[in-house]
Amino acid sequence: MRFPNGYGSIINLGKKRRKPFAVRITAGVEEYLNKDGVKSYRQKYKYLGYFEKRKDALEFLAEYNANPSILNQSNITFKELYEEWASYRYEKISPNTIAHYKVWFKHCEPLHNMLFKDIKTAHLQALINNCKSKSSIPKLKMFLGQLYKYAAKYDFEKDYSKFIELPTKEPIKPKTPYTTDEIKNIWAKYKAINHADVFLILLYTGMRVSELLEMQIKNVNLQERYMFVEKSKTAAGVRYVPLHRDIEPLIKARLNDSEYLITNKQNKQLKYSNFQKNYAPQIKDKLGLNHTIHETRHTFISQCHRLGLNNLAVKRIVGHANDDITQHYTKLNINDLIQVMDTFKY
């Protein structure tokens, strides 16, 4: 069907989209350089809405031409706007990020059926105030800001997410190293407590919890006494970690036919969230520990400094960036770190 000039058009964006039919209108002309470097001109388009069925898109386009102010009076709900935004946004981001967005969308459940035009700062602030995870609050605000940015296509000019007030940050609790007696107690009881050996491995390597839980067996070399951290939160974190003699038996006991070193009951990778929720609290309770598991890394680094170990070597072992040396630490120098590790003790 050919529409009159200036009427607008409908395009099919593909079968993979839940709402494949897009309604768009011409929004002027823009200059660009073609492949030959010659100035050319092309039409700019403004997208008005997305629909599951072509007939719905046709009806909307007809309504728009009869009353262009329909966009300003849009009856789109928070949920509908999110679904439109997600239909294109989710094609460009990782599954892990998508999972986080879905969690934040679920937290916005009180707004799902509200008309987006009726949502004000007070509604958004209530979501923030009811968010139990303080660390997630800035990310929730960012998520709402992305929805408002997308809502501009419906001529929602005011971004109420900008007026959200974030709670005052609580003072950071100082990290407390594990004591020698506490570490001896873990050694005495770890065999009777499921996954308590994870605490010991962390205490003798200085690894981040996530790095150990993501450690694949292919990256463990007992013969040459190292583990290779293939994934880390920083570039310096990708490194070879020397193995202390005391924890070699713990590592050896973990080697099996699984892909990962630390596994769950199904012999699959033990995820960070599962470990933190279902294991770490019980382990700390049974051992009488008043520490977070992240303080194992702080304990290792503090002990290295207390023993006067080479500062550069310690940085290499724990994956801290070093401003003086730009070359990455390679497997060729792992023996140097093993020698340093052999002098480490609690």
C-alpha atoms as a PDB file:
ATOM      1  CA  MET A   1       0.000   0.000   0.000  1.00  0.00           C
ATOM      2  CA  ARG A   2       1.407   3.380  -1.011  1.00  0.00           C
ATOM      3  CA  PHE A   3       0.619   6.231   1.369  1.00  0.00           C
ATOM      4  CA  PRO A   4       0.264   9.902   0.349  1.00  0.00           C
ATOM      5  CA  ASN A   5       3.342  12.098   0.627  1.00  0.00           C
ATOM      6  CA  GLY A   6       3.896  13.250   4.205  1.00  0.00           C
ATOM      7  CA  TYR A   7       1.511  10.600   5.584  1.00  0.00           C
ATOM      8  CA  GLY A   8       4.182   8.420   7.161  1.00  0.00           C
ATOM      9  CA  SER A   9       5.061   4.787   6.651  1.00  0.00           C
ATOM     10  CA  ILE A  10       5.169   1.342   8.262  1.00  0.00           C
ATOM     11  CA  ILE A  11       8.230  -0.877   8.136  1.00  0.00           C
ATOM     12  CA  ASN A  12       8.779  -4.443   9.248  1.00  0.00           C
ATOM     13  CA  LEU A  13      11.845  -4.685  11.529  1.00  0.00           C
ATOM     14  CA  GLY A  14      12.054  -8.480  11.405  1.00  0.00           C
ATOM     15  CA  LYS A  15      10.536 -11.609  12.900  1.00  0.00           C
ATOM     16  CA  LYS A  16      12.792 -11.672  15.961  1.00  0.00           C
ATOM     17  CA  ARG A  17      11.071  -8.632  17.463  1.00  0.00           C
ATOM     18  CA  ARG A  18       7.949  -9.007  19.592  1.00  0.00           C
ATOM     19  CA  LYS A  19       6.608  -5.811  17.998  1.00  0.00           C
ATOM     20  CA  PRO A  20       8.091  -5.857  14.496  1.00  0.00           C
ATOM     21  CA  PHE A  21       5.900  -3.206  12.829  1.00  0.00           C
ATOM     22  CA  ALA A  22       7.239   0.304  13.288  1.00  0.00           C
ATOM     23  CA  VAL A  23       5.394   3.507  12.434  1.00  0.00           C
ATOM     24  CA  ARG A  24       7.606   6.369  11.315  1.00  0.00           C
ATOM     25  CA  ILE A  25       7.331   9.805   9.762  1.00  0.00           C
ATOM     26  CA  THR A  26       9.802  11.981   7.885  1.00  0.00           C
ATOM     27  CA  ALA A  27      11.584  14.422  10.180  1.00  0.00           C
ATOM     28  CA  GLY A  28      13.614  16.470   7.714  1.00  0.00           C
ATOM     29  CA  VAL A  29      16.723  15.942   5.639  1.00  0.00           C
ATOM     30  CA  GLU A  30      20.348  15.499   6.746  1.00  0.00           C
ATOM     31  CA  GLU A  31      23.673  15.835   4.966  1.00  0.00           C
ATOM     32  CA  TYR A  32      26.203  12.998   4.831  1.00  0.00           C
ATOM     33  CA  LEU A  33      29.263  11.970   2.880  1.00  0.00           C
ATOM     34  CA  ASN A  34      28.806   8.916   0.688  1.00  0.00           C
ATOM     35  CA  LYS A  35      31.458   6.255   0.135  1.00  0.00           C
ATOM     36  CA  ASP A  36      33.112   8.453  -2.493  1.00  0.00           C
ATOM     37  CA  GLY A  37      33.363  11.359  -0.080  1.00  0.00           C
ATOM     38  CA  VAL A  38      30.712  13.367  -1.940  1.00  0.00           C
ATOM     39  CA  LYS A  39      28.163  15.373   0.025  1.00  0.00           C
ATOM     40  CA  SER A  40      24.734  13.806  -0.264  1.00  0.00           C
ATOM     41  CA  TYR A  41      21.351  14.121   1.382  1.00  0.00           C
ATOM     42  CA  ARG A  42      18.973  11.630   2.941  1.00  0.00           C
ATOM     43  CA  GLN A  43      15.737  11.683   4.856  1.00  0.00           C
ATOM     44  CA  LYS A  44      15.633  11.577   8.650  1.00  0.00           C
ATOM     45  CA  TYR A  45      12.891   9.578  10.333  1.00  0.00           C
ATOM     46  CA  LYS A  46      11.086   9.805  13.640  1.00  0.00           C
ATOM     47  CA  TYR A  47       9.648   6.567  14.997  1.00  0.00           C
ATOM     48  CA  LEU A  48       6.215   6.951  16.581  1.00  0.00           C
ATOM     49  CA  GLY A  49       5.473   3.457  17.869  1.00  0.00           C
ATOM     50  CA  TYR A  50       5.940  -0.304  17.565  1.00  0.00           C
ATOM     51  CA  PHE A  51       3.205  -2.918  17.134  1.00  0.00           C
ATOM     52  CA  GLU A  52       2.764  -6.682  17.026  1.00  0.00           C
ATOM     53  CA  LYS A  53       0.335  -6.571  14.080  1.00  0.00           C
ATOM     54  CA  ARG A  54       0.411  -4.501  10.922  1.00  0.00           C
ATOM     55  CA  LYS A  55      -3.267  -3.599  11.232  1.00  0.00           C
ATOM     56  CA  ASP A  56      -2.608  -2.017  14.638  1.00  0.00           C
ATOM     57  CA  ALA A  57       0.210   0.015  13.120  1.00  0.00           C
ATOM     58  CA  LEU A  58      -2.107   1.133  10.292  1.00  0.00           C
ATOM     59  CA  GLU A  59      -4.769   2.221  12.782  1.00  0.00           C
ATOM     60  CA  PHE A  60      -2.223   4.172  14.816  1.00  0.00           C
ATOM     61  CA  LEU A  61      -0.841   5.916  11.711  1.00  0.00           C
ATOM     62  CA  ALA A  62      -4.362   6.863  10.646  1.00  0.00           C
ATOM     63  CA  GLU A  63      -5.117   8.224  14.122  1.00  0.00           C
ATOM     64  CA  TYR A  64      -1.886  10.179  14.104  1.00  0.00           C
ATOM     65  CA  ASN A  65      -2.690  11.810  10.755  1.00  0.00           C
ATOM     66  CA  ALA A  66      -6.174  12.691  11.986  1.00  0.00           C
ATOM     67  CA  ASN A  67      -4.795  14.072  15.269  1.00  0.00           C
ATOM     68  CA  PRO A  68      -0.984  14.517  15.492  1.00  0.00           C
ATOM     69  CA  SER A  69      -1.296  15.538  19.143  1.00  0.00           C
ATOM     70  CA  ILE A  70      -2.013  11.884  19.922  1.00  0.00           C
ATOM     71  CA  LEU A  71       1.672  11.481  20.787  1.00  0.00           C
ATOM     72  CA  ASN A  72       1.432  14.102  23.512  1.00  0.00           C
ATOM     73  CA  GLN A  73      -1.654  12.359  24.870  1.00  0.00           C
ATOM     74  CA  SER A  74      -0.186   8.884  24.590  1.00  0.00           C
ATOM     75  CA  ASN A  75      -1.856   6.228  26.716  1.00  0.00           C
ATOM     76  CA  ILE A  76       1.220   4.074  26.889  1.00  0.00           C
ATOM     77  CA  THR A  77       1.821   2.469  30.274  1.00  0.00           C
ATOM     78  CA  PHE A  78       5.122   2.084  32.080  1.00  0.00           C
ATOM     79  CA  LYS A  79       5.150  -1.630  31.236  1.00  0.00           C
ATOM     80  CA  GLU A  80       4.377  -1.059  27.554  1.00  0.00           C
ATOM     81  CA  LEU A  81       7.091   1.559  27.231  1.00  0.00           C
ATOM     82  CA  TYR A  82       9.603  -0.761  28.936  1.00  0.00           C
ATOM     83  CA  GLU A  83       8.705  -3.602  26.568  1.00  0.00           C
ATOM     84  CA  GLU A  84       9.217  -1.377  23.525  1.00  0.00           C
ATOM     85  CA  TRP A  85      12.541  -0.142  24.871  1.00  0.00           C
ATOM     86  CA  ALA A  86      13.641  -3.703  25.715  1.00  0.00           C
ATOM     87  CA  SER A  87      12.695  -5.022  22.258  1.00  0.00           C
ATOM     88  CA  TYR A  88      15.578  -3.147  20.688  1.00  0.00           C
ATOM     89  CA  ARG A  89      17.871  -2.529  23.668  1.00  0.00           C
ATOM     90  CA  TYR A  90      18.249  -6.214  24.578  1.00  0.00           C
ATOM     91  CA  GLU A  91      19.710  -6.992  21.158  1.00  0.00           C
ATOM     92  CA  LYS A  92      22.778  -4.871  21.985  1.00  0.00           C
ATOM     93  CA  ILE A  93      23.705  -5.891  25.525  1.00  0.00           C
ATOM     94  CA  SER A  94      24.963  -8.982  27.360  1.00  0.00           C
ATOM     95  CA  PRO A  95      22.687 -11.578  29.019  1.00  0.00           C
ATOM     96  CA  ASN A  96      24.083 -10.547  32.402  1.00  0.00           C
ATOM     97  CA  THR A  97      23.041  -6.901  31.865  1.00  0.00           C
ATOM     98  CA  ILE A  98      19.624  -8.021  30.628  1.00  0.00           C
ATOM     99  CA  ALA A  99      19.168 -10.027  33.820  1.00  0.00           C
ATOM    100  CA  HIS A 100      19.883  -6.906  35.899  1.00  0.00           C
ATOM    101  CA  TYR A 101      17.427  -4.817  33.870  1.00  0.00           C
ATOM    102  CA  LYS A 102      14.728  -7.412  34.426  1.00  0.00           C
ATOM    103  CA  VAL A 103      15.333  -7.303  38.182  1.00  0.00           C
ATOM    104  CA  TRP A 104      14.998  -3.499  38.209  1.00  0.00           C
ATOM    105  CA  PHE A 105      11.869  -3.668  36.059  1.00  0.00           C
ATOM    106  CA  LYS A 106      10.327  -6.108  38.534  1.00  0.00           C
ATOM    107  CA  HIS A 107      11.174  -3.705  41.370  1.00  0.00           C
ATOM    108  CA  CYS A 108       9.117  -1.094  39.474  1.00  0.00           C
ATOM    109  CA  GLU A 109       5.986  -3.282  39.672  1.00  0.00           C
ATOM    110  CA  PRO A 110       3.874  -0.556  41.389  1.00  0.00           C
ATOM    111  CA  LEU A 111       4.254   1.505  38.181  1.00  0.00           C
ATOM    112  CA  HIS A 112       3.668  -1.235  35.614  1.00  0.00           C
ATOM    113  CA  ASN A 113       0.044  -0.397  34.851  1.00  0.00           C
ATOM    114  CA  MET A 114       0.299   3.349  35.375  1.00  0.00           C
ATOM    115  CA  LEU A 115       0.189   5.650  32.357  1.00  0.00           C
ATOM    116  CA  PHE A 116       3.724   6.842  31.839  1.00  0.00           C
ATOM    117  CA  LYS A 117       2.522  10.446  31.574  1.00  0.00           C
ATOM    118  CA  ASP A 118       1.043  10.188  35.101  1.00  0.00           C
ATOM    119  CA  ILE A 119       4.282   9.083  36.765  1.00  0.00           C
ATOM    120  CA  LYS A 120       5.927  11.852  38.770  1.00  0.00           C
ATOM    121  CA  THR A 121       8.990  12.252  40.961  1.00  0.00           C
ATOM    122  CA  ALA A 122       7.150  11.042  44.085  1.00  0.00           C
ATOM    123  CA  HIS A 123       6.400   7.672  42.455  1.00  0.00           C
ATOM    124  CA  LEU A 124      10.029   7.204  41.442  1.00  0.00           C
ATOM    125  CA  GLN A 125      11.343   8.330  44.816  1.00  0.00           C
ATOM    126  CA  ALA A 126       9.137   5.723  46.504  1.00  0.00           C
ATOM    127  CA  LEU A 127      10.825   3.017  44.407  1.00  0.00           C
ATOM    128  CA  ILE A 128      14.236   4.254  45.497  1.00  0.00           C
ATOM    129  CA  ASN A 129      13.241   4.466  49.153  1.00  0.00           C
ATOM    130  CA  ASN A 130      11.912   0.885  49.083  1.00  0.00           C
ATOM    131  CA  CYS A 131      15.024  -0.555  47.454  1.00  0.00           C
ATOM    132  CA  LYS A 132      16.642  -2.890  49.990  1.00  0.00           C
ATOM    133  CA  SER A 133      19.948  -3.178  48.153  1.00  0.00           C
ATOM    134  CA  LYS A 134      21.700   0.144  48.698  1.00  0.00           C
ATOM    135  CA  SER A 135      24.341  -0.682  46.095  1.00  0.00           C
ATOM    136  CA  SER A 136      21.622  -1.141  43.453  1.00  0.00           C
ATOM    137  CA  ILE A 137      20.008   2.277  43.961  1.00  0.00           C
ATOM    138  CA  PRO A 138      22.262   4.235  41.541  1.00  0.00           C
ATOM    139  CA  LYS A 139      21.769   1.517  38.928  1.00  0.00           C
ATOM    140  CA  LEU A 140      17.988   1.632  39.392  1.00  0.00           C
ATOM    141  CA  LYS A 141      18.065   5.406  38.866  1.00  0.00           C
ATOM    142  CA  MET A 142      20.161   4.893  35.710  1.00  0.00           C
ATOM    143  CA  PHE A 143      17.629   2.317  34.448  1.00  0.00           C
ATOM    144  CA  LEU A 144      14.752   4.780  34.942  1.00  0.00           C
ATOM    145  CA  GLY A 145      16.777   7.468  33.186  1.00  0.00           C
ATOM    146  CA  GLN A 146      17.164   5.216  30.140  1.00  0.00           C
ATOM    147  CA  LEU A 147      13.398   4.719  29.994  1.00  0.00           C
ATOM    148  CA  TYR A 148      12.843   8.482  30.115  1.00  0.00           C
ATOM    149  CA  LYS A 149      15.384   8.988  27.374  1.00  0.00           C
ATOM    150  CA  TYR A 150      13.477   6.495  25.241  1.00  0.00           C
ATOM    151  CA  ALA A 151      10.153   8.133  26.191  1.00  0.00           C
ATOM    152  CA  ALA A 152      11.245  11.276  24.353  1.00  0.00           C
ATOM    153  CA  LYS A 153       9.913   9.621  21.189  1.00  0.00           C
ATOM    154  CA  TYR A 154       6.460  10.096  22.699  1.00  0.00           C
ATOM    155  CA  ASP A 155       7.246  13.757  23.376  1.00  0.00           C
ATOM    156  CA  PHE A 156       7.690  13.226  27.101  1.00  0.00           C
ATOM    157  CA  GLU A 157      10.107  16.091  27.520  1.00  0.00           C
ATOM    158  CA  LYS A 158      10.473  16.066  31.311  1.00  0.00           C
ATOM    159  CA  ASP A 159      12.770  13.444  32.819  1.00  0.00           C
ATOM    160  CA  TYR A 160      11.523  12.963  36.372  1.00  0.00           C
ATOM    161  CA  SER A 161      14.318  10.497  37.140  1.00  0.00           C
ATOM    162  CA  LYS A 162      16.690  13.478  37.320  1.00  0.00           C
ATOM    163  CA  PHE A 163      14.896  14.680  40.456  1.00  0.00           C
ATOM    164  CA  ILE A 164      15.400  11.441  42.389  1.00  0.00           C
ATOM    165  CA  GLU A 165      17.327  11.978  45.607  1.00  0.00           C
ATOM    166  CA  LEU A 166      19.798   9.236  46.437  1.00  0.00           C
ATOM    167  CA  PRO A 167      20.240   8.280  50.097  1.00  0.00           C
ATOM    168  CA  THR A 168      23.290   9.516  51.941  1.00  0.00           C
ATOM    169  CA  LYS A 169      26.101   7.023  51.649  1.00  0.00           C
ATOM    170  CA  GLU A 170      26.838   5.181  54.869  1.00  0.00           C
ATOM    171  CA  PRO A 171      30.440   5.371  56.052  1.00  0.00           C
ATOM    172  CA  ILE A 172      32.500   2.468  54.745  1.00  0.00           C
ATOM    173  CA  LYS A 173      33.200  -0.071  57.449  1.00  0.00           C
ATOM    174  CA  PRO A 174      36.970  -0.499  57.853  1.00  0.00           C
ATOM    175  CA  LYS A 175      38.260  -3.910  56.809  1.00  0.00           C
ATOM    176  CA  THR A 176      39.478  -6.133  59.623  1.00  0.00           C
ATOM    177  CA  PRO A 177      42.068  -8.844  58.926  1.00  0.00           C
ATOM    178  CA  TYR A 178      41.457 -12.396  60.117  1.00  0.00           C
ATOM    179  CA  THR A 179      43.525 -13.191  63.193  1.00  0.00           C
ATOM    180  CA  THR A 180      46.053 -16.020  63.327  1.00  0.00           C
ATOM    181  CA  ASP A 181      43.825 -17.886  65.782  1.00  0.00           C
ATOM    182  CA  GLU A 182      40.828 -17.551  63.463  1.00  0.00           C
ATOM    183  CA  ILE A 183      42.838 -18.947  60.560  1.00  0.00           C
ATOM    184  CA  LYS A 184      44.044 -21.874  62.712  1.00  0.00           C
ATOM    185  CA  ASN A 185      40.409 -22.538  63.633  1.00  0.00           C
ATOM    186  CA  ILE A 186      39.443 -22.706  59.947  1.00  0.00           C
ATOM    187  CA  TRP A 187      42.223 -25.238  59.332  1.00  0.00           C
ATOM    188  CA  ALA A 188      41.001 -27.333  62.269  1.00  0.00           C
ATOM    189  CA  LYS A 189      37.360 -27.432  61.106  1.00  0.00           C
ATOM    190  CA  TYR A 190      37.289 -26.954  57.331  1.00  0.00           C
ATOM    191  CA  LYS A 191      36.909 -30.659  56.495  1.00  0.00           C
ATOM    192  CA  ALA A 192      33.626 -30.852  58.376  1.00  0.00           C
ATOM    193  CA  ILE A 193      32.135 -27.701  56.803  1.00  0.00           C
ATOM    194  CA  ASN A 194      31.125 -27.690  53.146  1.00  0.00           C
ATOM    195  CA  HIS A 195      33.121 -25.153  51.088  1.00  0.00           C
ATOM    196  CA  ALA A 196      35.042 -23.830  54.103  1.00  0.00           C
ATOM    197  CA  ASP A 197      38.196 -24.618  52.140  1.00  0.00           C
ATOM    198  CA  VAL A 198      37.258 -21.699  49.856  1.00  0.00           C
ATOM    199  CA  PHE A 199      38.123 -19.345  52.734  1.00  0.00           C
ATOM    200  CA  LEU A 200      41.549 -20.955  53.098  1.00  0.00           C
ATOM    201  CA  ILE A 201      42.342 -20.817  49.385  1.00  0.00           C
ATOM    202  CA  LEU A 202      41.448 -17.114  49.376  1.00  0.00           C
ATOM    203  CA  LEU A 203      43.525 -16.461  52.507  1.00  0.00           C
ATOM    204  CA  TYR A 204      46.615 -18.000  50.869  1.00  0.00           C
ATOM    205  CA  THR A 205      46.249 -16.520  47.371  1.00  0.00           C
ATOM    206  CA  GLY A 206      44.734 -13.055  47.867  1.00  0.00           C
ATOM    207  CA  MET A 207      42.325 -13.757  45.014  1.00  0.00           C
ATOM    208  CA  ARG A 208      38.972 -12.043  44.683  1.00  0.00           C
ATOM    209  CA  VAL A 209      36.008 -14.295  45.510  1.00  0.00           C
ATOM    210  CA  SER A 210      34.649 -13.984  41.981  1.00  0.00           C
ATOM    211  CA  GLU A 211      38.037 -14.916  40.496  1.00  0.00           C
ATOM    212  CA  LEU A 212      38.185 -18.161  42.450  1.00  0.00           C
ATOM    213  CA  LEU A 213      34.573 -19.113  41.709  1.00  0.00           C
ATOM    214  CA  GLU A 214      35.219 -18.554  37.991  1.00  0.00           C
ATOM    215  CA  MET A 215      38.470 -20.543  38.015  1.00  0.00           C
ATOM    216  CA  GLN A 216      38.399 -23.300  35.413  1.00  0.00           C
ATOM    217  CA  ILE A 217      40.345 -26.502  35.999  1.00  0.00           C
ATOM    218  CA  LYS A 218      42.150 -26.036  32.684  1.00  0.00           C
ATOM    219  CA  ASN A 219      43.833 -22.999  34.268  1.00  0.00           C
ATOM    220  CA  VAL A 220      45.110 -24.901  37.321  1.00  0.00           C
ATOM    221  CA  ASN A 221      48.641 -26.303  37.127  1.00  0.00           C
ATOM    222  CA  LEU A 222      49.662 -28.123  40.304  1.00  0.00           C
ATOM    223  CA  GLN A 223      52.905 -29.392  38.822  1.00  0.00           C
ATOM    224  CA  GLU A 224      54.161 -25.866  38.138  1.00  0.00           C
ATOM    225  CA  ARG A 225      52.313 -24.471  41.191  1.00  0.00           C
ATOM    226  CA  TYR A 226      50.091 -21.768  39.753  1.00  0.00           C
ATOM    227  CA  MET A 227      46.542 -20.865  38.779  1.00  0.00           C
ATOM    228  CA  PHE A 228      45.864 -18.558  35.853  1.00  0.00           C
ATOM    229  CA  VAL A 229      43.165 -15.935  36.409  1.00  0.00           C
ATOM    230  CA  GLU A 230      41.660 -15.616  32.959  1.00  0.00           C
ATOM    231  CA  LYS A 231      38.831 -13.242  33.929  1.00  0.00           C
ATOM    232  CA  SER A 232      39.086 -10.337  36.339  1.00  0.00           C
ATOM    233  CA  LYS A 233      37.468  -6.979  37.027  1.00  0.00           C
ATOM    234  CA  THR A 234      40.675  -5.183  35.977  1.00  0.00           C
ATOM    235  CA  ALA A 235      43.338  -5.644  33.302  1.00  0.00           C
ATOM    236  CA  ALA A 236      46.005  -6.124  35.974  1.00  0.00           C
ATOM    237  CA  GLY A 237      43.849  -8.856  37.497  1.00  0.00           C
ATOM    238  CA  VAL A 238      44.502 -11.202  34.579  1.00  0.00           C
ATOM    239  CA  ARG A 239      47.544 -12.972  36.030  1.00  0.00           C
ATOM    240  CA  TYR A 240      49.337 -16.097  37.249  1.00  0.00           C
ATOM    241  CA  VAL A 241      48.792 -16.767  40.963  1.00  0.00           C
ATOM    242  CA  PRO A 242      51.456 -18.869  42.703  1.00  0.00           C
ATOM    243  CA  LEU A 243      50.207 -21.674  44.950  1.00  0.00           C
ATOM    244  CA  HIS A 244      51.317 -21.912  48.553  1.00  0.00           C
ATOM    245  CA  ARG A 245      52.395 -25.411  49.608  1.00  0.00           C
ATOM    246  CA  ASP A 246      49.790 -25.458  52.383  1.00  0.00           C
ATOM    247  CA  ILE A 247      46.824 -25.180  50.015  1.00  0.00           C
ATOM    248  CA  GLU A 248      48.082 -27.507  47.282  1.00  0.00           C
ATOM    249  CA  PRO A 249      46.209 -30.460  48.890  1.00  0.00           C
ATOM    250  CA  LEU A 250      43.014 -28.369  48.938  1.00  0.00           C
ATOM    251  CA  ILE A 251      43.359 -27.583  45.246  1.00  0.00           C
ATOM    252  CA  LYS A 252      44.218 -31.196  44.389  1.00  0.00           C
ATOM    253  CA  ALA A 253      41.115 -32.442  46.221  1.00  0.00           C
ATOM    254  CA  ARG A 254      39.007 -30.124  44.058  1.00  0.00           C
ATOM    255  CA  LEU A 255      40.284 -31.459  40.729  1.00  0.00           C
ATOM    256  CA  ASN A 256      37.650 -33.648  39.075  1.00  0.00           C
ATOM    257  CA  ASP A 257      35.829 -34.040  35.789  1.00  0.00           C
ATOM    258  CA  SER A 258      34.030 -30.724  36.178  1.00  0.00           C
ATOM    259  CA  GLU A 259      34.882 -27.631  34.147  1.00  0.00           C
ATOM    260  CA  TYR A 260      35.258 -25.478  37.263  1.00  0.00           C
ATOM    261  CA  LEU A 261      37.354 -25.813  40.405  1.00  0.00           C
ATOM    262  CA  ILE A 262      34.591 -24.784  42.839  1.00  0.00           C
ATOM    263  CA  THR A 263      31.351 -26.603  42.088  1.00  0.00           C
ATOM    264  CA  ASN A 264      27.834 -27.017  43.441  1.00  0.00           C
ATOM    265  CA  LYS A 265      25.987 -30.248  44.252  1.00  0.00           C
ATOM    266  CA  GLN A 266      25.364 -30.837  40.540  1.00  0.00           C
ATOM    267  CA  ASN A 267      29.105 -30.570  39.827  1.00  0.00           C
ATOM    268  CA  LYS A 268      28.510 -27.315  37.947  1.00  0.00           C
ATOM    269  CA  GLN A 269      30.069 -23.930  38.579  1.00  0.00           C
ATOM    270  CA  LEU A 270      29.148 -22.541  41.996  1.00  0.00           C
ATOM    271  CA  LYS A 271      27.825 -19.089  41.188  1.00  0.00           C
ATOM    272  CA  TYR A 272      28.828 -16.078  43.268  1.00  0.00           C
ATOM    273  CA  SER A 273      25.228 -15.265  44.281  1.00  0.00           C
ATOM    274  CA  ASN A 274      24.595 -18.864  45.352  1.00  0.00           C
ATOM    275  CA  PHE A 275      27.796 -19.005  47.395  1.00  0.00           C
ATOM    276  CA  GLN A 276      27.126 -15.691  49.128  1.00  0.00           C
ATOM    277  CA  LYS A 277      23.516 -16.590  49.931  1.00  0.00           C
ATOM    278  CA  ASN A 278      23.630 -20.299  50.735  1.00  0.00           C
ATOM    279  CA  TYR A 279      27.158 -21.050  51.933  1.00  0.00           C
ATOM    280  CA  ALA A 280      29.206 -18.083  53.175  1.00  0.00           C
ATOM    281  CA  PRO A 281      26.819 -17.097  56.048  1.00  0.00           C
ATOM    282  CA  GLN A 282      26.585 -20.678  57.348  1.00  0.00           C
ATOM    283  CA  ILE A 283      30.358 -21.175  57.118  1.00  0.00           C
ATOM    284  CA  LYS A 284      31.044 -17.963  59.042  1.00  0.00           C
ATOM    285  CA  ASP A 285      28.436 -18.921  61.650  1.00  0.00           C
ATOM    286  CA  LYS A 286      29.918 -22.396  62.206  1.00  0.00           C
ATOM    287  CA  LEU A 287      33.430 -20.960  62.441  1.00  0.00           C
ATOM    288  CA  GLY A 288      32.393 -18.036  64.632  1.00  0.00           C
ATOM    289  CA  LEU A 289      33.789 -15.489  62.181  1.00  0.00           C
ATOM    290  CA  ASN A 290      32.819 -11.827  62.285  1.00  0.00           C
ATOM    291  CA  HIS A 291      34.337 -11.020  58.901  1.00  0.00           C
ATOM    292  CA  THR A 292      33.158 -10.795  55.318  1.00  0.00           C
ATOM    293  CA  ILE A 293      34.695 -13.286  52.928  1.00  0.00           C
ATOM    294  CA  HIS A 294      36.123 -10.326  50.986  1.00  0.00           C
ATOM    295  CA  GLU A 295      38.345  -9.577  53.980  1.00  0.00           C
ATOM    296  CA  THR A 296      40.386 -12.692  53.140  1.00  0.00           C
ATOM    297  CA  ARG A 297      42.035 -10.688  50.351  1.00  0.00           C
ATOM    298  CA  HIS A 298      42.718  -7.778  52.714  1.00  0.00           C
ATOM    299  CA  THR A 299      44.157 -10.243  55.244  1.00  0.00           C
ATOM    300  CA  PHE A 300      46.542 -11.748  52.692  1.00  0.00           C
ATOM    301  CA  ILE A 301      47.807  -8.349  51.530  1.00  0.00           C
ATOM    302  CA  SER A 302      48.225  -7.093  55.106  1.00  0.00           C
ATOM    303  CA  GLN A 303      50.193 -10.206  56.063  1.00  0.00           C
ATOM    304  CA  CYS A 304      52.460  -9.821  53.039  1.00  0.00           C
ATOM    305  CA  HIS A 305      53.311  -6.287  54.122  1.00  0.00           C
ATOM    306  CA  ARG A 306      53.765  -7.403  57.730  1.00  0.00           C
ATOM    307  CA  LEU A 307      56.289 -10.016  56.568  1.00  0.00           C
ATOM    308  CA  GLY A 308      58.116  -7.421  54.483  1.00  0.00           C
ATOM    309  CA  LEU A 309      57.593  -9.279  51.199  1.00  0.00           C
ATOM    310  CA  ASN A 310      58.580  -7.575  47.960  1.00  0.00           C
ATOM    311  CA  ASN A 311      55.949  -4.926  47.237  1.00  0.00           C
ATOM    312  CA  LEU A 312      56.055  -5.369  43.456  1.00  0.00           C
ATOM    313  CA  ALA A 313      55.687  -9.136  43.799  1.00  0.00           C
ATOM    314  CA  VAL A 314      52.682  -8.692  46.099  1.00  0.00           C
ATOM    315  CA  LYS A 315      51.057  -6.410  43.519  1.00  0.00           C
ATOM    316  CA  ARG A 316      51.648  -9.052  40.861  1.00  0.00           C
ATOM    317  CA  ILE A 317      50.179 -11.815  42.998  1.00  0.00           C
ATOM    318  CA  VAL A 318      46.961  -9.984  43.926  1.00  0.00           C
ATOM    319  CA  GLY A 319      46.496  -8.250  40.567  1.00  0.00           C
ATOM    320  CA  HIS A 320      47.023  -4.632  41.562  1.00  0.00           C
ATOM    321  CA  ALA A 321      48.036  -2.217  38.817  1.00  0.00           C
ATOM    322  CA  ASN A 322      51.604  -0.957  38.964  1.00  0.00           C
ATOM    323  CA  ASP A 323      52.305   2.482  37.507  1.00  0.00           C
ATOM    324  CA  ASP A 324      56.036   1.883  37.139  1.00  0.00           C
ATOM    325  CA  ILE A 325      55.858  -1.194  34.929  1.00  0.00           C
ATOM    326  CA  THR A 326      53.570  -1.427  31.921  1.00  0.00           C
ATOM    327  CA  GLN A 327      54.534  -4.901  30.742  1.00  0.00           C
ATOM    328  CA  HIS A 328      52.153  -7.619  31.932  1.00  0.00           C
ATOM    329  CA  TYR A 329      53.562 -10.275  34.218  1.00  0.00           C
ATOM    330  CA  THR A 330      53.954 -13.457  32.207  1.00  0.00           C
ATOM    331  CA  LYS A 331      54.286 -17.150  32.921  1.00  0.00           C
ATOM    332  CA  LEU A 332      58.061 -16.792  32.408  1.00  0.00           C
ATOM    333  CA  ASN A 333      58.387 -15.018  35.775  1.00  0.00           C
ATOM    334  CA  ILE A 334      56.045 -17.204  37.826  1.00  0.00           C
ATOM    335  CA  ASN A 335      58.996 -18.877  39.550  1.00  0.00           C
ATOM    336  CA  ASP A 336      59.929 -15.517  41.055  1.00  0.00           C
ATOM    337  CA  LEU A 337      56.498 -15.239  42.627  1.00  0.00           C
ATOM    338  CA  ILE A 338      56.597 -18.837  43.840  1.00  0.00           C
ATOM    339  CA  GLN A 339      59.825 -18.042  45.701  1.00  0.00           C
ATOM    340  CA  VAL A 340      58.084 -15.099  47.374  1.00  0.00           C
ATOM    341  CA  MET A 341      55.080 -17.261  48.180  1.00  0.00           C
ATOM    342  CA  ASP A 342      57.320 -19.869  49.853  1.00  0.00           C
ATOM    343  CA  THR A 343      58.245 -17.280  52.480  1.00  0.00           C
ATOM    344  CA  PHE A 344      54.609 -16.436  53.225  1.00  0.00           C
ATOM    345  CA  LYS A 345      53.055 -17.695  56.432  1.00  0.00           C
ATOM    346  CA  TYR A 346      50.444 -16.821  59.051  1.00  0.00           C
END
